[in-house]
PDB file of N, CA and C in Angstrom:
ATOM      1  N   UNK A   1     -38.210  47.549  35.631  1.00  0.00           N
ATOM      2  CA  UNK A   1     -37.233  46.570  35.868  1.00  0.00           C
ATOM      3  C   UNK A   1     -38.012  44.777  34.987  1.00  0.00           C
ATOM      4  N   UNK A   2     -37.417  43.715  34.977  1.00  0.00           N
ATOM      5  CA  UNK A   2     -37.123  42.973  33.994  1.00  0.00           C
ATOM      6  C   UNK A   2     -38.240  42.259  35.027  1.00  0.00           C
ATOM      7  N   UNK A   3     -39.379  41.778  34.522  1.00  0.00           N
ATOM      8  CA  UNK A   3     -40.343  41.033  35.455  1.00  0.00           C
ATOM      9  C   UNK A   3     -40.723  39.717  34.385  1.00  0.00           C
ATOM     10  N   UNK A   4     -40.086  39.213  34.213  1.00  0.00           N
ATOM     11  CA  UNK A   4     -40.203  37.828  33.349  1.00  0.00           C
ATOM     12  C   UNK A   4     -38.831  37.000  33.046  1.00  0.00           C
ATOM     13  N   UNK A   5     -38.904  35.665  33.069  1.00  0.00           N
ATOM     14  CA  UNK A   5     -37.016  35.266  32.739  1.00  0.00           C
ATOM     15  C   UNK A   5     -37.016  35.499  31.576  1.00  0.00           C
ATOM     16  N   UNK A   6     -37.581  35.715  30.281  1.00  0.00           N
ATOM     17  CA  UNK A   6     -36.549  35.989  30.020  1.00  0.00           C
ATOM     18  C   UNK A   6     -35.924  37.474  29.522  1.00  0.00           C
ATOM     19  N   UNK A   7     -37.071  38.699  29.943  1.00  0.00           N
ATOM     20  CA  UNK A   7     -36.282  39.706  30.037  1.00  0.00           C
ATOM     21  C   UNK A   7     -34.937  39.728  30.801  1.00  0.00           C
ATOM     22  N   UNK A   8     -35.037  39.082  32.185  1.00  0.00           N
ATOM     23  CA  UNK A   8     -33.639  38.414  33.571  1.00  0.00           C
ATOM     24  C   UNK A   8     -32.296  38.032  32.537  1.00  0.00           C
ATOM     25  N   UNK A   9     -32.676  37.136  31.422  1.00  0.00           N
ATOM     26  CA  UNK A   9     -32.073  36.778  30.703  1.00  0.00           C
ATOM     27  C   UNK A   9     -30.975  37.614  29.515  1.00  0.00           C
ATOM     28  N   UNK A  10     -32.001  38.303  29.348  1.00  0.00           N
ATOM     29  CA  UNK A  10     -31.363  39.042  28.406  1.00  0.00           C
ATOM     30  C   UNK A  10     -30.825  39.869  28.718  1.00  0.00           C
ATOM     31  N   UNK A  11     -30.767  40.977  30.817  1.00  0.00           N
ATOM     32  CA  UNK A  11     -30.344  41.536  31.105  1.00  0.00           C
ATOM     33  C   UNK A  11     -28.844  41.238  31.349  1.00  0.00           C
ATOM     34  N   UNK A  12     -28.656  39.338  31.831  1.00  0.00           N
ATOM     35  CA  UNK A  12     -27.516  38.858  31.301  1.00  0.00           C
ATOM     36  C   UNK A  12     -27.092  39.299  30.331  1.00  0.00           C
ATOM     37  N   UNK A  13     -27.252  38.528  29.641  1.00  0.00           N
ATOM     38  CA  UNK A  13     -26.540  39.057  28.169  1.00  0.00           C
ATOM     39  C   UNK A  13     -26.112  40.017  27.591  1.00  0.00           C
ATOM     40  N   UNK A  14     -26.861  41.291  28.141  1.00  0.00           N
ATOM     41  CA  UNK A  14     -26.341  42.678  27.797  1.00  0.00           C
ATOM     42  C   UNK A  14     -25.325  43.000  28.373  1.00  0.00           C
ATOM     43  N   UNK A  15     -24.736  42.702  30.070  1.00  0.00           N
ATOM     44  CA  UNK A  15     -24.101  42.438  30.729  1.00  0.00           C
ATOM     45  C   UNK A  15     -22.847  42.179  30.298  1.00  0.00           C
ATOM     46  N   UNK A  16     -22.711  40.887  29.547  1.00  0.00           N
ATOM     47  CA  UNK A  16     -21.847  39.882  29.566  1.00  0.00           C
ATOM     48  C   UNK A  16     -21.443  40.816  28.134  1.00  0.00           C
ATOM     49  N   UNK A  17     -22.283  40.677  27.187  1.00  0.00           N
ATOM     50  CA  UNK A  17     -21.516  41.608  26.501  1.00  0.00           C
ATOM     51  C   UNK A  17     -20.907  42.926  26.254  1.00  0.00           C
ATOM     52  N   UNK A  18     -21.507  43.143  26.655  1.00  0.00           N
ATOM     53  CA  UNK A  18     -21.236  44.806  26.634  1.00  0.00           C
ATOM     54  C   UNK A  18     -19.668  45.410  27.335  1.00  0.00           C
ATOM     55  N   UNK A  19     -19.573  44.088  29.132  1.00  0.00           N
ATOM     56  CA  UNK A  19     -18.147  44.144  28.912  1.00  0.00           C
ATOM     57  C   UNK A  19     -17.011  43.228  28.487  1.00  0.00           C
ATOM     58  N   UNK A  20     -17.605  42.408  27.751  1.00  0.00           N
ATOM     59  CA  UNK A  20     -16.253  41.853  26.288  1.00  0.00           C
ATOM     60  C   UNK A  20     -16.323  43.334  25.361  1.00  0.00           C
ATOM     61  N   UNK A  21     -16.882  43.647  25.171  1.00  0.00           N
ATOM     62  CA  UNK A  21     -17.459  44.916  23.382  1.00  0.00           C
ATOM     63  C   UNK A  21     -15.869  45.649  24.256  1.00  0.00           C
ATOM     64  N   UNK A  22     -16.715  46.483  25.350  1.00  0.00           N
ATOM     65  CA  UNK A  22     -15.689  47.620  26.070  1.00  0.00           C
ATOM     66  C   UNK A  22     -14.233  47.159  26.106  1.00  0.00           C
ATOM     67  N   UNK A  23     -13.992  45.609  27.226  1.00  0.00           N
ATOM     68  CA  UNK A  23     -12.680  45.128  26.477  1.00  0.00           C
ATOM     69  C   UNK A  23     -12.227  45.249  25.379  1.00  0.00           C
ATOM     70  N   UNK A  24     -12.831  44.883  24.367  1.00  0.00           N
ATOM     71  CA  UNK A  24     -11.944  44.450  22.955  1.00  0.00           C
ATOM     72  C   UNK A  24     -12.273  46.043  22.626  1.00  0.00           C
ATOM     73  N   UNK A  25     -12.774  46.856  22.560  1.00  0.00           N
ATOM     74  CA  UNK A  25     -12.716  48.477  22.368  1.00  0.00           C
ATOM     75  C   UNK A  25     -11.421  49.027  22.542  1.00  0.00           C
ATOM     76  N   UNK A  26     -11.022  48.524  23.992  1.00  0.00           N
ATOM     77  CA  UNK A  26     -10.149  49.248  24.853  1.00  0.00           C
ATOM     78  C   UNK A  26      -9.187  48.712  24.519  1.00  0.00           C
ATOM     79  N   UNK A  27      -8.927  47.273  24.013  1.00  0.00           N
ATOM     80  CA  UNK A  27      -7.441  46.869  23.269  1.00  0.00           C
ATOM     81  C   UNK A  27      -7.397  47.231  21.521  1.00  0.00           C
ATOM     82  N   UNK A  28      -8.398  48.074  21.157  1.00  0.00           N
ATOM     83  CA  UNK A  28      -8.296  48.648  19.862  1.00  0.00           C
ATOM     84  C   UNK A  28      -7.708  50.305  19.535  1.00  0.00           C
ATOM     85  N   UNK A  29      -8.027  50.466  20.937  1.00  0.00           N
ATOM     86  CA  UNK A  29      -7.472  51.890  21.135  1.00  0.00           C
ATOM     87  C   UNK A  29      -6.524  52.018  21.511  1.00  0.00           C
ATOM     88  N   UNK A  30      -5.983  50.838  22.202  1.00  0.00           N
ATOM     89  CA  UNK A  30      -4.228  50.988  22.959  1.00  0.00           C
ATOM     90  C   UNK A  30      -3.360  50.571  21.646  1.00  0.00           C
ATOM     91  N   UNK A  31      -3.463  49.397  20.717  1.00  0.00           N
ATOM     92  CA  UNK A  31      -3.170  49.763  19.265  1.00  0.00           C
ATOM     93  C   UNK A  31      -2.751  50.789  19.141  1.00  0.00           C
ATOM     94  N   UNK A  32      -4.441  51.061  18.164  1.00  0.00           N
ATOM     95  CA  UNK A  32      -4.172  52.919  17.414  1.00  0.00           C
ATOM     96  C   UNK A  32      -3.075  53.940  18.625  1.00  0.00           C
ATOM     97  N   UNK A  33      -3.964  53.495  19.440  1.00  0.00           N
ATOM     98  CA  UNK A  33      -2.230  54.716  20.255  1.00  0.00           C
ATOM     99  C   UNK A  33      -0.707  54.051  20.427  1.00  0.00           C
ATOM    100  N   UNK A  34      -0.418  53.373  19.957  1.00  0.00           N
ATOM    101  CA  UNK A  34       0.577  52.857  20.053  1.00  0.00           C
ATOM    102  C   UNK A  34       1.113  53.124  18.820  1.00  0.00           C
ATOM    103  N   UNK A  35       0.292  52.932  17.724  1.00  0.00           N
ATOM    104  CA  UNK A  35       0.655  53.276  15.779  1.00  0.00           C
ATOM    105  C   UNK A  35       0.359  54.661  16.293  1.00  0.00           C
ATOM    106  N   UNK A  36       0.121  55.683  16.529  1.00  0.00           N
ATOM    107  CA  UNK A  36      -0.474  56.956  16.587  1.00  0.00           C
ATOM    108  C   UNK A  36       0.935  57.454  17.959  1.00  0.00           C
ATOM    109  N   UNK A  37       1.648  57.128  18.315  1.00  0.00           N
ATOM    110  CA  UNK A  37       2.678  57.682  19.424  1.00  0.00           C
ATOM    111  C   UNK A  37       3.963  57.268  18.369  1.00  0.00           C
ATOM    112  N   UNK A  38       4.170  56.057  17.465  1.00  0.00           N
ATOM    113  CA  UNK A  38       5.289  56.012  16.822  1.00  0.00           C
ATOM    114  C   UNK A  38       5.375  57.295  15.959  1.00  0.00           C
ATOM    115  N   UNK A  39       4.050  57.337  15.370  1.00  0.00           N
ATOM    116  CA  UNK A  39       3.974  58.622  14.223  1.00  0.00           C
ATOM    117  C   UNK A  39       4.485  59.550  14.500  1.00  0.00           C
ATOM    118  N   UNK A  40       4.092  60.493  15.818  1.00  0.00           N
ATOM    119  CA  UNK A  40       4.166  61.484  16.278  1.00  0.00           C
ATOM    120  C   UNK A  40       5.566  61.808  16.623  1.00  0.00           C
ATOM    121  N   UNK A  41       6.251  60.875  16.897  1.00  0.00           N
ATOM    122  CA  UNK A  41       7.399  60.829  17.012  1.00  0.00           C
ATOM    123  C   UNK A  41       8.811  60.662  16.600  1.00  0.00           C
ATOM    124  N   UNK A  42       7.910  60.237  14.931  1.00  0.00           N
ATOM    125  CA  UNK A  42       7.932  60.537  13.401  1.00  0.00           C
ATOM    126  C   UNK A  42       9.017  58.871  13.259  1.00  0.00           C
ATOM    127  N   UNK A  43       8.976  57.959  14.133  1.00  0.00           N
ATOM    128  CA  UNK A  43       9.692  57.017  13.443  1.00  0.00           C
ATOM    129  C   UNK A  43       8.675  55.911  12.829  1.00  0.00           C
ATOM    130  N   UNK A  44       9.281  56.050  11.560  1.00  0.00           N
ATOM    131  CA  UNK A  44       8.665  54.930  10.545  1.00  0.00           C
ATOM    132  C   UNK A  44       8.414  53.957  10.626  1.00  0.00           C
ATOM    133  N   UNK A  45       9.912  53.038  10.789  1.00  0.00           N
ATOM    134  CA  UNK A  45      10.076  51.621  10.887  1.00  0.00           C
ATOM    135  C   UNK A  45       8.396  51.011  11.484  1.00  0.00           C
ATOM    136  N   UNK A  46       8.866  51.947  13.400  1.00  0.00           N
ATOM    137  CA  UNK A  46       8.032  51.687  14.535  1.00  0.00           C
ATOM    138  C   UNK A  46       6.776  51.950  13.907  1.00  0.00           C
ATOM    139  N   UNK A  47       6.546  52.461  13.794  1.00  0.00           N
ATOM    140  CA  UNK A  47       4.916  53.012  13.350  1.00  0.00           C
ATOM    141  C   UNK A  47       4.931  51.943  12.194  1.00  0.00           C
ATOM    142  N   UNK A  48       5.492  50.996  11.600  1.00  0.00           N
ATOM    143  CA  UNK A  48       4.954  50.022  10.529  1.00  0.00           C
ATOM    144  C   UNK A  48       4.634  49.103  11.615  1.00  0.00           C
ATOM    145  N   UNK A  49       5.340  48.443  12.382  1.00  0.00           N
ATOM    146  CA  UNK A  49       5.605  47.805  12.910  1.00  0.00           C
ATOM    147  C   UNK A  49       4.046  46.768  14.150  1.00  0.00           C
ATOM    148  N   UNK A  50       3.649  48.441  14.364  1.00  0.00           N
ATOM    149  CA  UNK A  50       2.678  48.421  14.868  1.00  0.00           C
ATOM    150  C   UNK A  50       1.287  48.541  14.159  1.00  0.00           C
ATOM    151  N   UNK A  51       1.270  48.672  13.213  1.00  0.00           N
ATOM    152  CA  UNK A  51       0.024  48.966  12.407  1.00  0.00           C
ATOM    153  C   UNK A  51       0.162  47.717  12.315  1.00  0.00           C
ATOM    154  N   UNK A  52       1.406  46.650  11.694  1.00  0.00           N
ATOM    155  CA  UNK A  52       0.775  45.826  11.001  1.00  0.00           C
ATOM    156  C   UNK A  52       0.206  44.637  12.804  1.00  0.00           C
ATOM    157  N   UNK A  53       1.063  45.187  13.640  1.00  0.00           N
ATOM    158  CA  UNK A  53       0.804  44.351  15.125  1.00  0.00           C
ATOM    159  C   UNK A  53      -0.639  44.653  15.526  1.00  0.00           C
ATOM    160  N   UNK A  54      -1.722  45.841  15.021  1.00  0.00           N
ATOM    161  CA  UNK A  54      -2.838  46.099  15.711  1.00  0.00           C
ATOM    162  C   UNK A  54      -4.383  45.679  14.105  1.00  0.00           C
ATOM    163  N   UNK A  55      -3.483  45.550  13.077  1.00  0.00           N
ATOM    164  CA  UNK A  55      -4.420  45.611  12.105  1.00  0.00           C
ATOM    165  C   UNK A  55      -4.851  44.218  12.684  1.00  0.00           C
ATOM    166  N   UNK A  56      -4.709  42.581  12.448  1.00  0.00           N
ATOM    167  CA  UNK A  56      -5.312  41.862  13.236  1.00  0.00           C
ATOM    168  C   UNK A  56      -6.243  42.350  13.848  1.00  0.00           C
ATOM    169  N   UNK A  57      -5.980  43.065  15.514  1.00  0.00           N
ATOM    170  CA  UNK A  57      -6.961  43.223  16.301  1.00  0.00           C
ATOM    171  C   UNK A  57      -8.387  44.109  16.054  1.00  0.00           C
ATOM    172  N   UNK A  58      -7.829  45.381  14.941  1.00  0.00           N
ATOM    173  CA  UNK A  58      -9.150  45.945  14.547  1.00  0.00           C
ATOM    174  C   UNK A  58      -9.972  45.127  13.831  1.00  0.00           C
ATOM    175  N   UNK A  59      -9.600  44.123  12.811  1.00  0.00           N
ATOM    176  CA  UNK A  59     -10.384  43.314  12.045  1.00  0.00           C
ATOM    177  C   UNK A  59     -11.084  41.860  12.905  1.00  0.00           C
ATOM    178  N   UNK A  60     -10.281  41.601  14.311  1.00  0.00           N
ATOM    179  CA  UNK A  60     -11.420  41.076  15.195  1.00  0.00           C
ATOM    180  C   UNK A  60     -12.411  41.729  15.153  1.00  0.00           C
ATOM    181  N   UNK A  61     -11.937  43.262  15.955  1.00  0.00           N
ATOM    182  CA  UNK A  61     -13.481  43.767  16.581  1.00  0.00           C
ATOM    183  C   UNK A  61     -14.581  44.041  15.118  1.00  0.00           C
ATOM    184  N   UNK A  62     -14.072  43.810  14.157  1.00  0.00           N
ATOM    185  CA  UNK A  62     -15.560  43.998  12.934  1.00  0.00           C
ATOM    186  C   UNK A  62     -15.751  42.923  13.198  1.00  0.00           C
ATOM    187  N   UNK A  63     -15.078  41.628  12.751  1.00  0.00           N
ATOM    188  CA  UNK A  63     -15.684  40.475  13.078  1.00  0.00           C
ATOM    189  C   UNK A  63     -16.809  40.175  14.217  1.00  0.00           C
ATOM    190  N   UNK A  64     -16.369  40.477  14.789  1.00  0.00           N
ATOM    191  CA  UNK A  64     -17.347  40.541  16.419  1.00  0.00           C
ATOM    192  C   UNK A  64     -17.809  41.260  15.996  1.00  0.00           C
ATOM    193  N   UNK A  65     -17.956  42.622  15.553  1.00  0.00           N
ATOM    194  CA  UNK A  65     -19.431  42.973  15.309  1.00  0.00           C
ATOM    195  C   UNK A  65     -19.139  43.937  16.358  1.00  0.00           C
ATOM    196  N   UNK A  66     -18.292  44.853  16.545  1.00  0.00           N
ATOM    197  CA  UNK A  66     -18.111  45.744  17.387  1.00  0.00           C
ATOM    198  C   UNK A  66     -17.572  47.297  17.365  1.00  0.00           C
ATOM    199  N   UNK A  67     -17.112  47.099  15.995  1.00  0.00           N
ATOM    200  CA  UNK A  67     -16.598  47.561  15.260  1.00  0.00           C
ATOM    201  C   UNK A  67     -17.138  48.249  13.647  1.00  0.00           C
ATOM    202  N   UNK A  68     -17.708  49.047  12.619  1.00  0.00           N
ATOM    203  CA  UNK A  68     -17.946  48.810  11.526  1.00  0.00           C
ATOM    204  C   UNK A  68     -16.663  48.134  11.061  1.00  0.00           C
ATOM    205  N   UNK A  69     -17.434  47.809   9.278  1.00  0.00           N
ATOM    206  CA  UNK A  69     -16.054  47.465   8.562  1.00  0.00           C
ATOM    207  C   UNK A  69     -15.293  48.628   7.872  1.00  0.00           C
ATOM    208  N   UNK A  70     -16.358  49.346   7.244  1.00  0.00           N
ATOM    209  CA  UNK A  70     -15.490  50.648   6.840  1.00  0.00           C
ATOM    210  C   UNK A  70     -14.804  51.564   7.153  1.00  0.00           C
ATOM    211  N   UNK A  71     -15.283  51.489   8.789  1.00  0.00           N
ATOM    212  CA  UNK A  71     -14.795  52.303  10.195  1.00  0.00           C
ATOM    213  C   UNK A  71     -12.892  52.196   9.848  1.00  0.00           C
ATOM    214  N   UNK A  72     -13.077  50.985   9.829  1.00  0.00           N
ATOM    215  CA  UNK A  72     -11.355  49.676  10.208  1.00  0.00           C
ATOM    216  C   UNK A  72     -11.087  50.806   8.840  1.00  0.00           C
ATOM    217  N   UNK A  73     -11.621  50.416   7.854  1.00  0.00           N
ATOM    218  CA  UNK A  73     -11.003  50.370   6.470  1.00  0.00           C
ATOM    219  C   UNK A  73     -10.479  51.430   6.572  1.00  0.00           C
ATOM    220  N   UNK A  74     -11.079  52.712   7.122  1.00  0.00           N
ATOM    221  CA  UNK A  74     -10.937  54.376   6.798  1.00  0.00           C
ATOM    222  C   UNK A  74      -9.551  54.461   7.910  1.00  0.00           C
ATOM    223  N   UNK A  75      -9.779  53.811   9.222  1.00  0.00           N
ATOM    224  CA  UNK A  75      -8.395  54.021  10.093  1.00  0.00           C
ATOM    225  C   UNK A  75      -7.332  53.368   9.816  1.00  0.00           C
ATOM    226  N   UNK A  76      -7.080  52.247   8.786  1.00  0.00           N
ATOM    227  CA  UNK A  76      -5.602  51.524   8.365  1.00  0.00           C
ATOM    228  C   UNK A  76      -5.810  52.674   7.086  1.00  0.00           C
ATOM    229  N   UNK A  77      -6.113  52.839   6.663  1.00  0.00           N
ATOM    230  CA  UNK A  77      -6.172  53.386   5.249  1.00  0.00           C
ATOM    231  C   UNK A  77      -5.328  54.989   5.324  1.00  0.00           C
ATOM    232  N   UNK A  78      -6.003  55.458   6.587  1.00  0.00           N
ATOM    233  CA  UNK A  78      -5.267  57.143   6.771  1.00  0.00           C
ATOM    234  C   UNK A  78      -4.152  56.912   7.387  1.00  0.00           C
ATOM    235  N   UNK A  79      -3.612  55.660   8.349  1.00  0.00           N
ATOM    236  CA  UNK A  79      -3.135  55.783   8.974  1.00  0.00           C
ATOM    237  C   UNK A  79      -1.899  55.163   7.934  1.00  0.00           C
ATOM    238  N   UNK A  80      -2.303  54.738   7.152  1.00  0.00           N
ATOM    239  CA  UNK A  80      -0.626  54.077   6.169  1.00  0.00           C
ATOM    240  C   UNK A  80      -0.162  54.996   5.077  1.00  0.00           C
ATOM    241  N   UNK A  81      -0.978  55.912   5.488  1.00  0.00           N
ATOM    242  CA  UNK A  81      -0.704  57.465   4.428  1.00  0.00           C
ATOM    243  C   UNK A  81       0.314  58.355   5.466  1.00  0.00           C
ATOM    244  N   UNK A  82      -0.456  58.442   6.581  1.00  0.00           N
ATOM    245  CA  UNK A  82       0.291  58.783   7.218  1.00  0.00           C
ATOM    246  C   UNK A  82       1.835  58.037   7.569  1.00  0.00           C
ATOM    247  N   UNK A  83       1.961  56.919   7.903  1.00  0.00           N
ATOM    248  CA  UNK A  83       3.043  56.497   7.764  1.00  0.00           C
ATOM    249  C   UNK A  83       4.224  56.244   6.531  1.00  0.00           C
ATOM    250  N   UNK A  84       3.096  56.697   5.191  1.00  0.00           N
ATOM    251  CA  UNK A  84       3.989  56.472   4.638  1.00  0.00           C
ATOM    252  C   UNK A  84       4.959  57.936   4.128  1.00  0.00           C
ATOM    253  N   UNK A  85       3.624  58.612   4.859  1.00  0.00           N
ATOM    254  CA  UNK A  85       4.897  60.459   4.229  1.00  0.00           C
ATOM    255  C   UNK A  85       5.205  61.026   5.553  1.00  0.00           C
ATOM    256  N   UNK A  86       5.455  59.842   6.217  1.00  0.00           N
ATOM    257  CA  UNK A  86       6.872  60.343   7.357  1.00  0.00           C
ATOM    258  C   UNK A  86       8.004  59.902   6.401  1.00  0.00           C
ATOM    259  N   UNK A  87       8.287  58.860   5.776  1.00  0.00           N
ATOM    260  CA  UNK A  87       9.896  58.288   5.005  1.00  0.00           C
ATOM    261  C   UNK A  87       9.700  59.329   4.075  1.00  0.00           C
ATOM    262  N   UNK A  88       8.832  60.362   3.677  1.00  0.00           N
ATOM    263  CA  UNK A  88       8.546  60.864   2.261  1.00  0.00           C
ATOM    264  C   UNK A  88       9.327  62.272   2.125  1.00  0.00           C
ATOM    265  N   UNK A  89       9.815  63.138   1.624  1.00  0.00           N
ATOM    266  CA  UNK A  89      10.822  64.118   1.628  1.00  0.00           C
ATOM    267  C   UNK A  89       9.448  65.273   1.639  1.00  0.00           C
ATOM    268  N   UNK A  90      10.097  66.230   2.565  1.00  0.00           N
ATOM    269  CA  UNK A  90       8.153  67.539   2.524  1.00  0.00           C
ATOM    270  C   UNK A  90       8.397  67.852   1.137  1.00  0.00           C
ATOM    271  N   UNK A  91       7.145  68.320   0.894  1.00  0.00           N
ATOM    272  CA  UNK A  91       7.263  69.132  -0.563  1.00  0.00           C
ATOM    273  C   UNK A  91       7.416  70.045   0.039  1.00  0.00           C
ATOM    274  N   UNK A  92       7.836  71.534  -0.515  1.00  0.00           N
ATOM    275  CA  UNK A  92       7.459  72.714  -0.516  1.00  0.00           C
ATOM    276  C   UNK A  92       6.217  73.829  -0.362  1.00  0.00           C
TER     277      UNK A  92
END
């Protein structure tokens, strides 16, 4: 247990930051889930709109240090290619 004032303060700060990060991560997952559901349903237009709504939230998570830039870039890239593939005719 923390015995000096600075250590107690660090515990308080960590708890606050953890709560904020958990909320932000939850928002990111919610936005991503909406995109995934639209892709699974085969609705390209809805998926595009959902991805456009998700991108600012994802970038905000990067800016706040919750997620890494490359992680978000990779997710956006993969989702974009999956959405694009919805509109393309199936290759045999």
